[in-house]
Structures are given as structure tokens and as C-alpha cells.
Amino acid sequence: MSEAGEQFWRATLYSLFGPLLWTLHFALVYGGQHVACAAPVSAASAWITGGIIAATIIIAIPLSVASFRPDVLAKLFALSDSTVDTSRFLVRAMRLLSLLSFFGVIWAGAAAAFLPACPALR
């Protein structure tokens, strides 16, 4: 792959870091809950609630770092500063998307405190 193509993918992953983590959290929480509620275990709801809270905290930490310290994430993705305007745009877009994703993760994780883990379907 050429250097320009590699830099494109790094910049794309950098700017979409927040939504990708939000997607991972969504899959972990709802997929894990679905699988755990299908199991015939009586103590599943306590494990599900704890798992949702743990997944929320684990995903929220890198999202908050990405929102408030974008330079750390830029070093991780080894972005080169091609132009100042492009750099500034990527940082602002990544910050806003990470902040939106942070609130989405917190919102989905807060449901564990208010809703039953395995509600009766009938």
C-alpha cells in the first residue's frame, strides 16, 4: 500500500475512533445481554448488570481521553501533519464524534441502573 493510502486509512480510523468504540460497546452490551438472558441461569441478571456497567466504564475511558487529549490518539495512529487545516479539521471532527459517542455509551450503560436485565417477554 502506498504511503498516501496508508495515511488515508490512519486518518479515517482516527476520525472514526469514537463511533467505532460506540459500535463495539453496543455489540457487547446488547449481544451479551441477549446471550446471557437466553441461558437458564437464575443469577444472570446480576452478571448482566455488572457486565454492562463494566463495559460502559471500559469503553468510556478511551472515549474521554480521545475527547480531551486528542494528541495522545494522534500519536497512537502516527498521523503526519500534512497541512495545518487538515490537522485541525481531523482533531475537531474526532473530538466531536468521540464526545457524541461518549454520551451514547453513557446513555446505553445507564439503562442497566433503571431497567431489568432480563425482562419477561410474555
PDB file of N, CA and C in Angstrom:
ATOM      1  N   MET A   1       0.852  -1.172   0.000  1.00  0.00           N
ATOM      2  CA  MET A   1       0.000   0.000   0.000  1.00  0.00           C
ATOM      3  C   MET A   1       0.897   1.234   0.000  1.00  0.00           C
ATOM      4  N   SER A   2       0.481   2.220  -0.728  1.00  0.00           N
ATOM      5  CA  SER A   2       1.278   3.439  -0.811  1.00  0.00           C
ATOM      6  C   SER A   2       1.175   4.232   0.486  1.00  0.00           C
ATOM      7  N   GLU A   3       2.089   5.149   0.659  1.00  0.00           N
ATOM      8  CA  GLU A   3       2.112   5.990   1.865  1.00  0.00           C
ATOM      9  C   GLU A   3       0.849   6.843   1.970  1.00  0.00           C
ATOM     10  N   ALA A   4       0.368   7.346   0.829  1.00  0.00           N
ATOM     11  CA  ALA A   4      -0.848   8.164   0.838  1.00  0.00           C
ATOM     12  C   ALA A   4      -2.064   7.332   1.236  1.00  0.00           C
ATOM     13  N   GLY A   5      -2.130   6.107   0.745  1.00  0.00           N
ATOM     14  CA  GLY A   5      -3.242   5.228   1.099  1.00  0.00           C
ATOM     15  C   GLY A   5      -3.215   4.841   2.567  1.00  0.00           C
ATOM     16  N   GLU A   6      -2.027   4.574   3.064  1.00  0.00           N
ATOM     17  CA  GLU A   6      -1.883   4.228   4.476  1.00  0.00           C
ATOM     18  C   GLU A   6      -2.252   5.417   5.367  1.00  0.00           C
ATOM     19  N   GLN A   7      -1.832   6.607   4.962  1.00  0.00           N
ATOM     20  CA  GLN A   7      -2.164   7.806   5.729  1.00  0.00           C
ATOM     21  C   GLN A   7      -3.670   8.072   5.705  1.00  0.00           C
ATOM     22  N   PHE A   8      -4.312   7.768   4.575  1.00  0.00           N
ATOM     23  CA  PHE A   8      -5.763   7.933   4.470  1.00  0.00           C
ATOM     24  C   PHE A   8      -6.475   7.039   5.474  1.00  0.00           C
ATOM     25  N   TRP A   9      -6.082   5.774   5.563  1.00  0.00           N
ATOM     26  CA  TRP A   9      -6.734   4.852   6.484  1.00  0.00           C
ATOM     27  C   TRP A   9      -6.452   5.213   7.937  1.00  0.00           C
ATOM     28  N   ARG A  10      -5.262   5.693   8.214  1.00  0.00           N
ATOM     29  CA  ARG A  10      -4.960   6.141   9.577  1.00  0.00           C
ATOM     30  C   ARG A  10      -5.824   7.337   9.971  1.00  0.00           C
ATOM     31  N   ALA A  11      -5.971   8.283   9.060  1.00  0.00           N
ATOM     32  CA  ALA A  11      -6.797   9.463   9.340  1.00  0.00           C
ATOM     33  C   ALA A  11      -8.268   9.077   9.471  1.00  0.00           C
ATOM     34  N   THR A  12      -8.718   8.115   8.662  1.00  0.00           N
ATOM     35  CA  THR A  12     -10.102   7.663   8.748  1.00  0.00           C
ATOM     36  C   THR A  12     -10.366   6.975  10.076  1.00  0.00           C
ATOM     37  N   LEU A  13      -9.495   6.075  10.482  1.00  0.00           N
ATOM     38  CA  LEU A  13      -9.660   5.402  11.766  1.00  0.00           C
ATOM     39  C   LEU A  13      -9.531   6.374  12.929  1.00  0.00           C
ATOM     40  N   TYR A  14      -8.671   7.349  12.791  1.00  0.00           N
ATOM     41  CA  TYR A  14      -8.516   8.375  13.828  1.00  0.00           C
ATOM     42  C   TYR A  14      -9.808   9.167  13.994  1.00  0.00           C
ATOM     43  N   SER A  15     -10.387   9.608  12.893  1.00  0.00           N
ATOM     44  CA  SER A  15     -11.584  10.438  12.987  1.00  0.00           C
ATOM     45  C   SER A  15     -12.811   9.627  13.403  1.00  0.00           C
ATOM     46  N   LEU A  16     -12.840   8.337  13.099  1.00  0.00           N
ATOM     47  CA  LEU A  16     -13.981   7.496  13.459  1.00  0.00           C
ATOM     48  C   LEU A  16     -13.727   6.649  14.710  1.00  0.00           C
ATOM     49  N   PHE A  17     -12.731   7.011  15.496  1.00  0.00           N
ATOM     50  CA  PHE A  17     -12.396   6.257  16.695  1.00  0.00           C
ATOM     51  C   PHE A  17     -13.580   6.179  17.666  1.00  0.00           C
ATOM     52  N   GLY A  18     -14.238   7.282  17.908  1.00  0.00           N
ATOM     53  CA  GLY A  18     -15.376   7.319  18.829  1.00  0.00           C
ATOM     54  C   GLY A  18     -16.543   6.460  18.365  1.00  0.00           C
ATOM     55  N   PRO A  19     -17.033   6.656  17.133  1.00  0.00           N
ATOM     56  CA  PRO A  19     -18.140   5.817  16.677  1.00  0.00           C
ATOM     57  C   PRO A  19     -17.792   4.328  16.615  1.00  0.00           C
ATOM     58  N   LEU A  20     -16.546   3.994  16.329  1.00  0.00           N
ATOM     59  CA  LEU A  20     -16.164   2.582  16.318  1.00  0.00           C
ATOM     60  C   LEU A  20     -16.210   1.985  17.724  1.00  0.00           C
ATOM     61  N   LEU A  21     -15.778   2.733  18.731  1.00  0.00           N
ATOM     62  CA  LEU A  21     -15.880   2.246  20.106  1.00  0.00           C
ATOM     63  C   LEU A  21     -17.337   2.184  20.557  1.00  0.00           C
ATOM     64  N   TRP A  22     -18.133   3.128  20.124  1.00  0.00           N
ATOM     65  CA  TRP A  22     -19.559   3.115  20.450  1.00  0.00           C
ATOM     66  C   TRP A  22     -20.214   1.865  19.854  1.00  0.00           C
ATOM     67  N   THR A  23     -19.852   1.519  18.640  1.00  0.00           N
ATOM     68  CA  THR A  23     -20.358   0.309  17.995  1.00  0.00           C
ATOM     69  C   THR A  23     -19.937  -0.934  18.759  1.00  0.00           C
ATOM     70  N   LEU A  24     -18.684  -0.969  19.193  1.00  0.00           N
ATOM     71  CA  LEU A  24     -18.198  -2.099  19.980  1.00  0.00           C
ATOM     72  C   LEU A  24     -18.979  -2.207  21.288  1.00  0.00           C
ATOM     73  N   HIS A  25     -19.214  -1.096  21.958  1.00  0.00           N
ATOM     74  CA  HIS A  25     -19.979  -1.103  23.199  1.00  0.00           C
ATOM     75  C   HIS A  25     -21.407  -1.588  22.944  1.00  0.00           C
ATOM     76  N   PHE A  26     -22.016  -1.104  21.898  1.00  0.00           N
ATOM     77  CA  PHE A  26     -23.372  -1.505  21.552  1.00  0.00           C
ATOM     78  C   PHE A  26     -23.450  -3.013  21.337  1.00  0.00           C
ATOM     79  N   ALA A  27     -22.494  -3.566  20.595  1.00  0.00           N
ATOM     80  CA  ALA A  27     -22.486  -5.006  20.331  1.00  0.00           C
ATOM     81  C   ALA A  27     -22.236  -5.808  21.604  1.00  0.00           C
ATOM     82  N   LEU A  28     -21.312  -5.348  22.443  1.00  0.00           N
ATOM     83  CA  LEU A  28     -21.033  -6.053  23.691  1.00  0.00           C
ATOM     84  C   LEU A  28     -22.237  -6.047  24.620  1.00  0.00           C
ATOM     85  N   VAL A  29     -22.847  -4.903  24.794  1.00  0.00           N
ATOM     86  CA  VAL A  29     -23.948  -4.778  25.744  1.00  0.00           C
ATOM     87  C   VAL A  29     -25.176  -5.546  25.271  1.00  0.00           C
ATOM     88  N   TYR A  30     -25.637  -5.276  24.073  1.00  0.00           N
ATOM     89  CA  TYR A  30     -26.876  -5.895  23.626  1.00  0.00           C
ATOM     90  C   TYR A  30     -26.674  -7.348  23.198  1.00  0.00           C
ATOM     91  N   GLY A  31     -25.561  -7.657  22.582  1.00  0.00           N
ATOM     92  CA  GLY A  31     -25.279  -9.052  22.239  1.00  0.00           C
ATOM     93  C   GLY A  31     -25.042  -9.903  23.475  1.00  0.00           C
ATOM     94  N   GLY A  32     -24.277  -9.371  24.413  1.00  0.00           N
ATOM     95  CA  GLY A  32     -24.023 -10.096  25.656  1.00  0.00           C
ATOM     96  C   GLY A  32     -25.280 -10.292  26.471  1.00  0.00           C
ATOM     97  N   GLN A  33     -26.113  -9.286  26.528  1.00  0.00           N
ATOM     98  CA  GLN A  33     -27.376  -9.406  27.260  1.00  0.00           C
ATOM     99  C   GLN A  33     -28.277 -10.447  26.608  1.00  0.00           C
ATOM    100  N   HIS A  34     -28.337 -10.451  25.311  1.00  0.00           N
ATOM    101  CA  HIS A  34     -29.180 -11.410  24.597  1.00  0.00           C
ATOM    102  C   HIS A  34     -28.723 -12.841  24.872  1.00  0.00           C
ATOM    103  N   VAL A  35     -27.440 -13.079  24.789  1.00  0.00           N
ATOM    104  CA  VAL A  35     -26.907 -14.424  25.017  1.00  0.00           C
ATOM    105  C   VAL A  35     -27.080 -14.832  26.480  1.00  0.00           C
ATOM    106  N   ALA A  36     -26.797 -13.919  27.400  1.00  0.00           N
ATOM    107  CA  ALA A  36     -26.891 -14.249  28.821  1.00  0.00           C
ATOM    108  C   ALA A  36     -28.337 -14.465  29.259  1.00  0.00           C
ATOM    109  N   CYS A  37     -29.269 -13.725  28.700  1.00  0.00           N
ATOM    110  CA  CYS A  37     -30.667 -13.900  29.081  1.00  0.00           C
ATOM    111  C   CYS A  37     -31.261 -15.179  28.500  1.00  0.00           C
ATOM    112  N   ALA A  38     -30.665 -15.694  27.447  1.00  0.00           N
ATOM    113  CA  ALA A  38     -31.136 -16.945  26.867  1.00  0.00           C
ATOM    114  C   ALA A  38     -30.682 -18.149  27.688  1.00  0.00           C
ATOM    115  N   ALA A  39     -29.640 -17.985  28.477  1.00  0.00           N
ATOM    116  CA  ALA A  39     -29.135 -19.078  29.308  1.00  0.00           C
ATOM    117  C   ALA A  39     -30.058 -19.282  30.505  1.00  0.00           C
ATOM    118  N   PRO A  40     -30.295 -20.532  30.877  1.00  0.00           N
ATOM    119  CA  PRO A  40     -31.197 -20.800  32.005  1.00  0.00           C
ATOM    120  C   PRO A  40     -30.487 -20.692  33.359  1.00  0.00           C
ATOM    121  N   VAL A  41     -29.926 -19.535  33.646  1.00  0.00           N
ATOM    122  CA  VAL A  41     -29.224 -19.314  34.908  1.00  0.00           C
ATOM    123  C   VAL A  41     -30.029 -18.302  35.712  1.00  0.00           C
ATOM    124  N   SER A  42     -30.271 -18.590  36.959  1.00  0.00           N
ATOM    125  CA  SER A  42     -31.112 -17.707  37.766  1.00  0.00           C
ATOM    126  C   SER A  42     -30.401 -16.414  38.160  1.00  0.00           C
ATOM    127  N   ALA A  43     -29.087 -16.440  38.273  1.00  0.00           N
ATOM    128  CA  ALA A  43     -28.345 -15.245  38.699  1.00  0.00           C
ATOM    129  C   ALA A  43     -27.816 -14.444  37.514  1.00  0.00           C
ATOM    130  N   ALA A  44     -28.390 -14.652  36.340  1.00  0.00           N
ATOM    131  CA  ALA A  44     -27.881 -13.980  35.134  1.00  0.00           C
ATOM    132  C   ALA A  44     -28.057 -12.473  35.198  1.00  0.00           C
ATOM    133  N   SER A  45     -29.132 -11.994  35.821  1.00  0.00           N
ATOM    134  CA  SER A  45     -29.383 -10.551  35.786  1.00  0.00           C
ATOM    135  C   SER A  45     -28.319  -9.765  36.545  1.00  0.00           C
ATOM    136  N   ALA A  46     -27.797 -10.292  37.637  1.00  0.00           N
ATOM    137  CA  ALA A  46     -26.729  -9.594  38.368  1.00  0.00           C
ATOM    138  C   ALA A  46     -25.461  -9.548  37.535  1.00  0.00           C
ATOM    139  N   TRP A  47     -25.156 -10.632  36.850  1.00  0.00           N
ATOM    140  CA  TRP A  47     -23.967 -10.660  35.999  1.00  0.00           C
ATOM    141  C   TRP A  47     -24.122  -9.732  34.807  1.00  0.00           C
ATOM    142  N   ILE A  48     -25.316  -9.675  34.267  1.00  0.00           N
ATOM    143  CA  ILE A  48     -25.560  -8.807  33.110  1.00  0.00           C
ATOM    144  C   ILE A  48     -25.421  -7.347  33.509  1.00  0.00           C
ATOM    145  N   THR A  49     -26.019  -6.968  34.626  1.00  0.00           N
ATOM    146  CA  THR A  49     -25.922  -5.585  35.082  1.00  0.00           C
ATOM    147  C   THR A  49     -24.475  -5.205  35.358  1.00  0.00           C
ATOM    148  N   GLY A  50     -23.743  -6.071  36.021  1.00  0.00           N
ATOM    149  CA  GLY A  50     -22.320  -5.804  36.283  1.00  0.00           C
ATOM    150  C   GLY A  50     -21.505  -5.738  35.007  1.00  0.00           C
ATOM    151  N   GLY A  51     -21.818  -6.610  34.056  1.00  0.00           N
ATOM    152  CA  GLY A  51     -21.108  -6.601  32.774  1.00  0.00           C
ATOM    153  C   GLY A  51     -21.368  -5.345  31.971  1.00  0.00           C
ATOM    154  N   ILE A  52     -22.616  -4.878  32.000  1.00  0.00           N
ATOM    155  CA  ILE A  52     -22.954  -3.651  31.277  1.00  0.00           C
ATOM    156  C   ILE A  52     -22.237  -2.456  31.895  1.00  0.00           C
ATOM    157  N   ILE A  53     -22.224  -2.395  33.207  1.00  0.00           N
ATOM    158  CA  ILE A  53     -21.532  -1.290  33.882  1.00  0.00           C
ATOM    159  C   ILE A  53     -20.034  -1.350  33.610  1.00  0.00           C
ATOM    160  N   ALA A  54     -19.459  -2.548  33.651  1.00  0.00           N
ATOM    161  CA  ALA A  54     -18.019  -2.689  33.378  1.00  0.00           C
ATOM    162  C   ALA A  54     -17.694  -2.315  31.936  1.00  0.00           C
ATOM    163  N   ALA A  55     -18.505  -2.770  30.986  1.00  0.00           N
ATOM    164  CA  ALA A  55     -18.265  -2.429  29.580  1.00  0.00           C
ATOM    165  C   ALA A  55     -18.398  -0.933  29.351  1.00  0.00           C
ATOM    166  N   THR A  56     -19.346  -0.313  30.039  1.00  0.00           N
ATOM    167  CA  THR A  56     -19.537   1.131  29.898  1.00  0.00           C
ATOM    168  C   THR A  56     -18.319   1.889  30.409  1.00  0.00           C
ATOM    169  N   ILE A  57     -17.813   1.501  31.552  1.00  0.00           N
ATOM    170  CA  ILE A  57     -16.641   2.182  32.108  1.00  0.00           C
ATOM    171  C   ILE A  57     -15.413   1.946  31.237  1.00  0.00           C
ATOM    172  N   ILE A  58     -15.225   0.697  30.797  1.00  0.00           N
ATOM    173  CA  ILE A  58     -14.043   0.361  29.995  1.00  0.00           C
ATOM    174  C   ILE A  58     -14.041   1.111  28.667  1.00  0.00           C
ATOM    175  N   ILE A  59     -15.195   1.272  28.045  1.00  0.00           N
ATOM    176  CA  ILE A  59     -15.274   1.981  26.762  1.00  0.00           C
ATOM    177  C   ILE A  59     -15.277   3.495  26.973  1.00  0.00           C
ATOM    178  N   ALA A  60     -15.831   3.975  28.080  1.00  0.00           N
ATOM    179  CA  ALA A  60     -15.910   5.424  28.318  1.00  0.00           C
ATOM    180  C   ALA A  60     -14.538   6.040  28.582  1.00  0.00           C
ATOM    181  N   ILE A  61     -13.619   5.284  29.146  1.00  0.00           N
ATOM    182  CA  ILE A  61     -12.289   5.836  29.450  1.00  0.00           C
ATOM    183  C   ILE A  61     -11.540   6.242  28.177  1.00  0.00           C
ATOM    184  N   PRO A  62     -11.379   5.357  27.179  1.00  0.00           N
ATOM    185  CA  PRO A  62     -10.688   5.829  25.966  1.00  0.00           C
ATOM    186  C   PRO A  62     -11.452   6.913  25.211  1.00  0.00           C
ATOM    187  N   LEU A  63     -12.785   6.909  25.310  1.00  0.00           N
ATOM    188  CA  LEU A  63     -13.547   7.972  24.657  1.00  0.00           C
ATOM    189  C   LEU A  63     -13.304   9.319  25.317  1.00  0.00           C
ATOM    190  N   SER A  64     -13.200   9.334  26.638  1.00  0.00           N
ATOM    191  CA  SER A  64     -12.921  10.604  27.310  1.00  0.00           C
ATOM    192  C   SER A  64     -11.495  11.069  27.031  1.00  0.00           C
ATOM    193  N   VAL A  65     -10.557  10.135  26.942  1.00  0.00           N
ATOM    194  CA  VAL A  65      -9.182  10.504  26.586  1.00  0.00           C
ATOM    195  C   VAL A  65      -9.157  11.081  25.168  1.00  0.00           C
ATOM    196  N   ALA A  66      -9.888  10.454  24.259  1.00  0.00           N
ATOM    197  CA  ALA A  66      -9.919  10.945  22.878  1.00  0.00           C
ATOM    198  C   ALA A  66     -10.571  12.321  22.794  1.00  0.00           C
ATOM    199  N   SER A  67     -11.553  12.576  23.636  1.00  0.00           N
ATOM    200  CA  SER A  67     -12.235  13.866  23.594  1.00  0.00           C
ATOM    201  C   SER A  67     -11.391  14.995  24.161  1.00  0.00           C
ATOM    202  N   PHE A  68     -10.651  14.704  25.222  1.00  0.00           N
ATOM    203  CA  PHE A  68      -9.932  15.772  25.914  1.00  0.00           C
ATOM    204  C   PHE A  68      -8.430  15.792  25.652  1.00  0.00           C
ATOM    205  N   ARG A  69      -7.868  14.704  25.127  1.00  0.00           N
ATOM    206  CA  ARG A  69      -6.444  14.655  24.795  1.00  0.00           C
ATOM    207  C   ARG A  69      -6.251  14.037  23.411  1.00  0.00           C
ATOM    208  N   PRO A  70      -6.658  14.728  22.348  1.00  0.00           N
ATOM    209  CA  PRO A  70      -6.557  14.143  21.008  1.00  0.00           C
ATOM    210  C   PRO A  70      -5.119  13.924  20.549  1.00  0.00           C
ATOM    211  N   ASP A  71      -4.162  14.608  21.170  1.00  0.00           N
ATOM    212  CA  ASP A  71      -2.768  14.416  20.783  1.00  0.00           C
ATOM    213  C   ASP A  71      -2.278  13.009  21.116  1.00  0.00           C
ATOM    214  N   VAL A  72      -2.789  12.422  22.189  1.00  0.00           N
ATOM    215  CA  VAL A  72      -2.406  11.050  22.550  1.00  0.00           C
ATOM    216  C   VAL A  72      -2.870  10.089  21.479  1.00  0.00           C
ATOM    217  N   LEU A  73      -4.097  10.263  21.018  1.00  0.00           N
ATOM    218  CA  LEU A  73      -4.634   9.392  19.979  1.00  0.00           C
ATOM    219  C   LEU A  73      -3.938   9.622  18.639  1.00  0.00           C
ATOM    220  N   ALA A  74      -3.554  10.850  18.345  1.00  0.00           N
ATOM    221  CA  ALA A  74      -2.850  11.147  17.099  1.00  0.00           C
ATOM    222  C   ALA A  74      -1.491  10.453  17.073  1.00  0.00           C
ATOM    223  N   LYS A  75      -0.830  10.405  18.218  1.00  0.00           N
ATOM    224  CA  LYS A  75       0.457   9.692  18.289  1.00  0.00           C
ATOM    225  C   LYS A  75       0.253   8.197  18.113  1.00  0.00           C
ATOM    226  N   LEU A  76      -0.848   7.665  18.649  1.00  0.00           N
ATOM    227  CA  LEU A  76      -1.139   6.247  18.530  1.00  0.00           C
ATOM    228  C   LEU A  76      -1.352   5.851  17.072  1.00  0.00           C
ATOM    229  N   PHE A  77      -2.030   6.699  16.315  1.00  0.00           N
ATOM    230  CA  PHE A  77      -2.281   6.417  14.911  1.00  0.00           C
ATOM    231  C   PHE A  77      -1.172   6.937  13.997  1.00  0.00           C
ATOM    232  N   ALA A  78      -0.155   7.547  14.538  1.00  0.00           N
ATOM    233  CA  ALA A  78       1.008   8.047  13.797  1.00  0.00           C
ATOM    234  C   ALA A  78       0.591   8.909  12.615  1.00  0.00           C
ATOM    235  N   LEU A  79      -0.228   9.909  12.904  1.00  0.00           N
ATOM    236  CA  LEU A  79      -0.666  10.825  11.858  1.00  0.00           C
ATOM    237  C   LEU A  79       0.433  11.827  11.547  1.00  0.00           C
ATOM    238  N   SER A  80       0.640  12.076  10.282  1.00  0.00           N
ATOM    239  CA  SER A  80       1.605  13.094   9.894  1.00  0.00           C
ATOM    240  C   SER A  80       0.847  14.395   9.639  1.00  0.00           C
ATOM    241  N   ASP A  81       1.458  15.472   9.997  1.00  0.00           N
ATOM    242  CA  ASP A  81       0.825  16.780   9.804  1.00  0.00           C
ATOM    243  C   ASP A  81       1.060  17.244   8.376  1.00  0.00           C
ATOM    244  N   SER A  82       0.112  16.895   7.487  1.00  0.00           N
ATOM    245  CA  SER A  82       0.275  17.302   6.094  1.00  0.00           C
ATOM    246  C   SER A  82       0.024  18.798   5.947  1.00  0.00           C
ATOM    247  N   THR A  83      -1.086  19.246   6.432  1.00  0.00           N
ATOM    248  CA  THR A  83      -1.358  20.680   6.452  1.00  0.00           C
ATOM    249  C   THR A  83      -2.008  21.009   7.789  1.00  0.00           C
ATOM    250  N   VAL A  84      -1.907  22.248   8.161  1.00  0.00           N
ATOM    251  CA  VAL A  84      -2.473  22.686   9.441  1.00  0.00           C
ATOM    252  C   VAL A  84      -3.997  22.618   9.399  1.00  0.00           C
ATOM    253  N   ASP A  85      -4.595  23.010   8.277  1.00  0.00           N
ATOM    254  CA  ASP A  85      -6.056  22.994   8.169  1.00  0.00           C
ATOM    255  C   ASP A  85      -6.614  21.578   8.246  1.00  0.00           C
ATOM    256  N   THR A  86      -5.978  20.643   7.572  1.00  0.00           N
ATOM    257  CA  THR A  86      -6.414  19.247   7.619  1.00  0.00           C
ATOM    258  C   THR A  86      -6.261  18.689   9.019  1.00  0.00           C
ATOM    259  N   SER A  87      -5.175  18.981   9.638  1.00  0.00           N
ATOM    260  CA  SER A  87      -4.916  18.531  11.005  1.00  0.00           C
ATOM    261  C   SER A  87      -5.957  19.079  11.969  1.00  0.00           C
ATOM    262  N   ARG A  88      -6.237  20.345  11.866  1.00  0.00           N
ATOM    263  CA  ARG A  88      -7.210  20.985  12.737  1.00  0.00           C
ATOM    264  C   ARG A  88      -8.606  20.390  12.526  1.00  0.00           C
ATOM    265  N   PHE A  89      -8.961  20.155  11.255  1.00  0.00           N
ATOM    266  CA  PHE A  89     -10.264  19.567  10.963  1.00  0.00           C
ATOM    267  C   PHE A  89     -10.374  18.161  11.554  1.00  0.00           C
ATOM    268  N   LEU A  90      -9.352  17.334  11.376  1.00  0.00           N
ATOM    269  CA  LEU A  90      -9.391  15.976  11.904  1.00  0.00           C
ATOM    270  C   LEU A  90      -9.525  15.962  13.420  1.00  0.00           C
ATOM    271  N   VAL A  91      -8.796  16.834  14.080  1.00  0.00           N
ATOM    272  CA  VAL A  91      -8.864  16.883  15.546  1.00  0.00           C
ATOM    273  C   VAL A  91     -10.254  17.309  15.995  1.00  0.00           C
ATOM    274  N   ARG A  92     -10.814  18.315  15.367  1.00  0.00           N
ATOM    275  CA  ARG A  92     -12.148  18.788  15.769  1.00  0.00           C
ATOM    276  C   ARG A  92     -13.229  17.759  15.461  1.00  0.00           C
ATOM    277  N   ALA A  93     -13.144  17.139  14.301  1.00  0.00           N
ATOM    278  CA  ALA A  93     -14.138  16.112  13.949  1.00  0.00           C
ATOM    279  C   ALA A  93     -14.035  14.923  14.893  1.00  0.00           C
ATOM    280  N   MET A  94     -12.806  14.490  15.193  1.00  0.00           N
ATOM    281  CA  MET A  94     -12.629  13.359  16.094  1.00  0.00           C
ATOM    282  C   MET A  94     -13.115  13.697  17.495  1.00  0.00           C
ATOM    283  N   ARG A  95     -12.853  14.900  17.958  1.00  0.00           N
ATOM    284  CA  ARG A  95     -13.318  15.312  19.292  1.00  0.00           C
ATOM    285  C   ARG A  95     -14.834  15.301  19.377  1.00  0.00           C
ATOM    286  N   LEU A  96     -15.486  15.887  18.389  1.00  0.00           N
ATOM    287  CA  LEU A  96     -16.949  15.940  18.411  1.00  0.00           C
ATOM    288  C   LEU A  96     -17.564  14.546  18.308  1.00  0.00           C
ATOM    289  N   LEU A  97     -17.029  13.717  17.430  1.00  0.00           N
ATOM    290  CA  LEU A  97     -17.559  12.365  17.294  1.00  0.00           C
ATOM    291  C   LEU A  97     -17.287  11.530  18.544  1.00  0.00           C
ATOM    292  N   SER A  98     -16.141  11.723  19.173  1.00  0.00           N
ATOM    293  CA  SER A  98     -15.831  10.992  20.403  1.00  0.00           C
ATOM    294  C   SER A  98     -16.713  11.455  21.547  1.00  0.00           C
ATOM    295  N   LEU A  99     -16.982  12.742  21.606  1.00  0.00           N
ATOM    296  CA  LEU A  99     -17.864  13.257  22.657  1.00  0.00           C
ATOM    297  C   LEU A  99     -19.291  12.747  22.462  1.00  0.00           C
ATOM    298  N   LEU A 100     -19.779  12.743  21.234  1.00  0.00           N
ATOM    299  CA  LEU A 100     -21.097  12.189  20.942  1.00  0.00           C
ATOM    300  C   LEU A 100     -21.137  10.706  21.315  1.00  0.00           C
ATOM    301  N   SER A 101     -20.099   9.978  20.972  1.00  0.00           N
ATOM    302  CA  SER A 101     -20.027   8.556  21.297  1.00  0.00           C
ATOM    303  C   SER A 101     -19.961   8.330  22.798  1.00  0.00           C
ATOM    304  N   PHE A 102     -19.248   9.203  23.512  1.00  0.00           N
ATOM    305  CA  PHE A 102     -19.164   9.099  24.967  1.00  0.00           C
ATOM    306  C   PHE A 102     -20.553   9.197  25.584  1.00  0.00           C
ATOM    307  N   PHE A 103     -21.344  10.179  25.146  1.00  0.00           N
ATOM    308  CA  PHE A 103     -22.697  10.322  25.676  1.00  0.00           C
ATOM    309  C   PHE A 103     -23.587   9.144  25.273  1.00  0.00           C
ATOM    310  N   GLY A 104     -23.386   8.606  24.083  1.00  0.00           N
ATOM    311  CA  GLY A 104     -24.143   7.424  23.660  1.00  0.00           C
ATOM    312  C   GLY A 104     -23.824   6.209  24.508  1.00  0.00           C
ATOM    313  N   VAL A 105     -22.554   6.029  24.832  1.00  0.00           N
ATOM    314  CA  VAL A 105     -22.133   4.911  25.675  1.00  0.00           C
ATOM    315  C   VAL A 105     -22.694   5.077  27.083  1.00  0.00           C
ATOM    316  N   ILE A 106     -22.602   6.262  27.628  1.00  0.00           N
ATOM    317  CA  ILE A 106     -23.136   6.517  28.980  1.00  0.00           C
ATOM    318  C   ILE A 106     -24.651   6.317  28.992  1.00  0.00           C
ATOM    319  N   TRP A 107     -25.351   6.773  27.958  1.00  0.00           N
ATOM    320  CA  TRP A 107     -26.795   6.628  27.884  1.00  0.00           C
ATOM    321  C   TRP A 107     -27.192   5.147  27.853  1.00  0.00           C
ATOM    322  N   ALA A 108     -26.519   4.355  27.018  1.00  0.00           N
ATOM    323  CA  ALA A 108     -26.838   2.931  26.940  1.00  0.00           C
ATOM    324  C   ALA A 108     -26.451   2.206  28.220  1.00  0.00           C
ATOM    325  N   GLY A 109     -25.355   2.612  28.830  1.00  0.00           N
ATOM    326  CA  GLY A 109     -24.931   1.982  30.072  1.00  0.00           C
ATOM    327  C   GLY A 109     -25.807   2.344  31.249  1.00  0.00           C
ATOM    328  N   ALA A 110     -26.395   3.527  31.231  1.00  0.00           N
ATOM    329  CA  ALA A 110     -27.268   3.959  32.326  1.00  0.00           C
ATOM    330  C   ALA A 110     -28.552   3.138  32.373  1.00  0.00           C
ATOM    331  N   ALA A 111     -28.915   2.519  31.266  1.00  0.00           N
ATOM    332  CA  ALA A 111     -30.123   1.692  31.249  1.00  0.00           C
ATOM    333  C   ALA A 111     -30.006   0.522  32.219  1.00  0.00           C
ATOM    334  N   ALA A 112     -28.800   0.082  32.512  1.00  0.00           N
ATOM    335  CA  ALA A 112     -28.600  -1.028  33.446  1.00  0.00           C
ATOM    336  C   ALA A 112     -29.062  -0.660  34.850  1.00  0.00           C
ATOM    337  N   ALA A 113     -29.034   0.605  35.187  1.00  0.00           N
ATOM    338  CA  ALA A 113     -29.447   1.037  36.514  1.00  0.00           C
ATOM    339  C   ALA A 113     -30.966   1.181  36.636  1.00  0.00           C
ATOM    340  N   PHE A 114     -31.673   1.314  35.518  1.00  0.00           N
ATOM    341  CA  PHE A 114     -33.101   1.604  35.577  1.00  0.00           C
ATOM    342  C   PHE A 114     -34.004   0.484  35.059  1.00  0.00           C
ATOM    343  N   LEU A 115     -33.480  -0.373  34.202  1.00  0.00           N
ATOM    344  CA  LEU A 115     -34.302  -1.398  33.581  1.00  0.00           C
ATOM    345  C   LEU A 115     -33.880  -2.783  34.059  1.00  0.00           C
ATOM    346  N   PRO A 116     -34.811  -3.736  34.106  1.00  0.00           N
ATOM    347  CA  PRO A 116     -34.418  -5.097  34.489  1.00  0.00           C
ATOM    348  C   PRO A 116     -33.538  -5.720  33.411  1.00  0.00           C
ATOM    349  N   ALA A 117     -32.609  -6.555  33.832  1.00  0.00           N
ATOM    350  CA  ALA A 117     -31.644  -7.125  32.893  1.00  0.00           C
ATOM    351  C   ALA A 117     -32.292  -8.113  31.939  1.00  0.00           C
ATOM    352  N   CYS A 118     -33.145  -8.986  32.448  1.00  0.00           N
ATOM    353  CA  CYS A 118     -33.802  -9.983  31.620  1.00  0.00           C
ATOM    354  C   CYS A 118     -35.312  -9.906  31.838  1.00  0.00           C
ATOM    355  N   PRO A 119     -35.979  -8.965  31.180  1.00  0.00           N
ATOM    356  CA  PRO A 119     -37.432  -8.861  31.385  1.00  0.00           C
ATOM    357  C   PRO A 119     -38.150 -10.022  30.726  1.00  0.00           C
ATOM    358  N   ALA A 120     -39.302 -10.343  31.262  1.00  0.00           N
ATOM    359  CA  ALA A 120     -40.129 -11.388  30.672  1.00  0.00           C
ATOM    360  C   ALA A 120     -40.647 -10.903  29.331  1.00  0.00           C
ATOM    361  N   LEU A 121     -40.583 -11.759  28.343  1.00  0.00           N
ATOM    362  CA  LEU A 121     -41.008 -11.370  27.004  1.00  0.00           C
ATOM    363  C   LEU A 121     -42.499 -11.591  26.798  1.00  0.00           C
ATOM    364  N   ARG A 122     -43.150 -12.290  27.703  1.00  0.00           N
ATOM    365  CA  ARG A 122     -44.593 -12.548  27.563  1.00  0.00           C
ATOM    366  C   ARG A 122     -45.345 -12.119  28.762  1.00  0.00           C
TER     367      ARG A 122
END
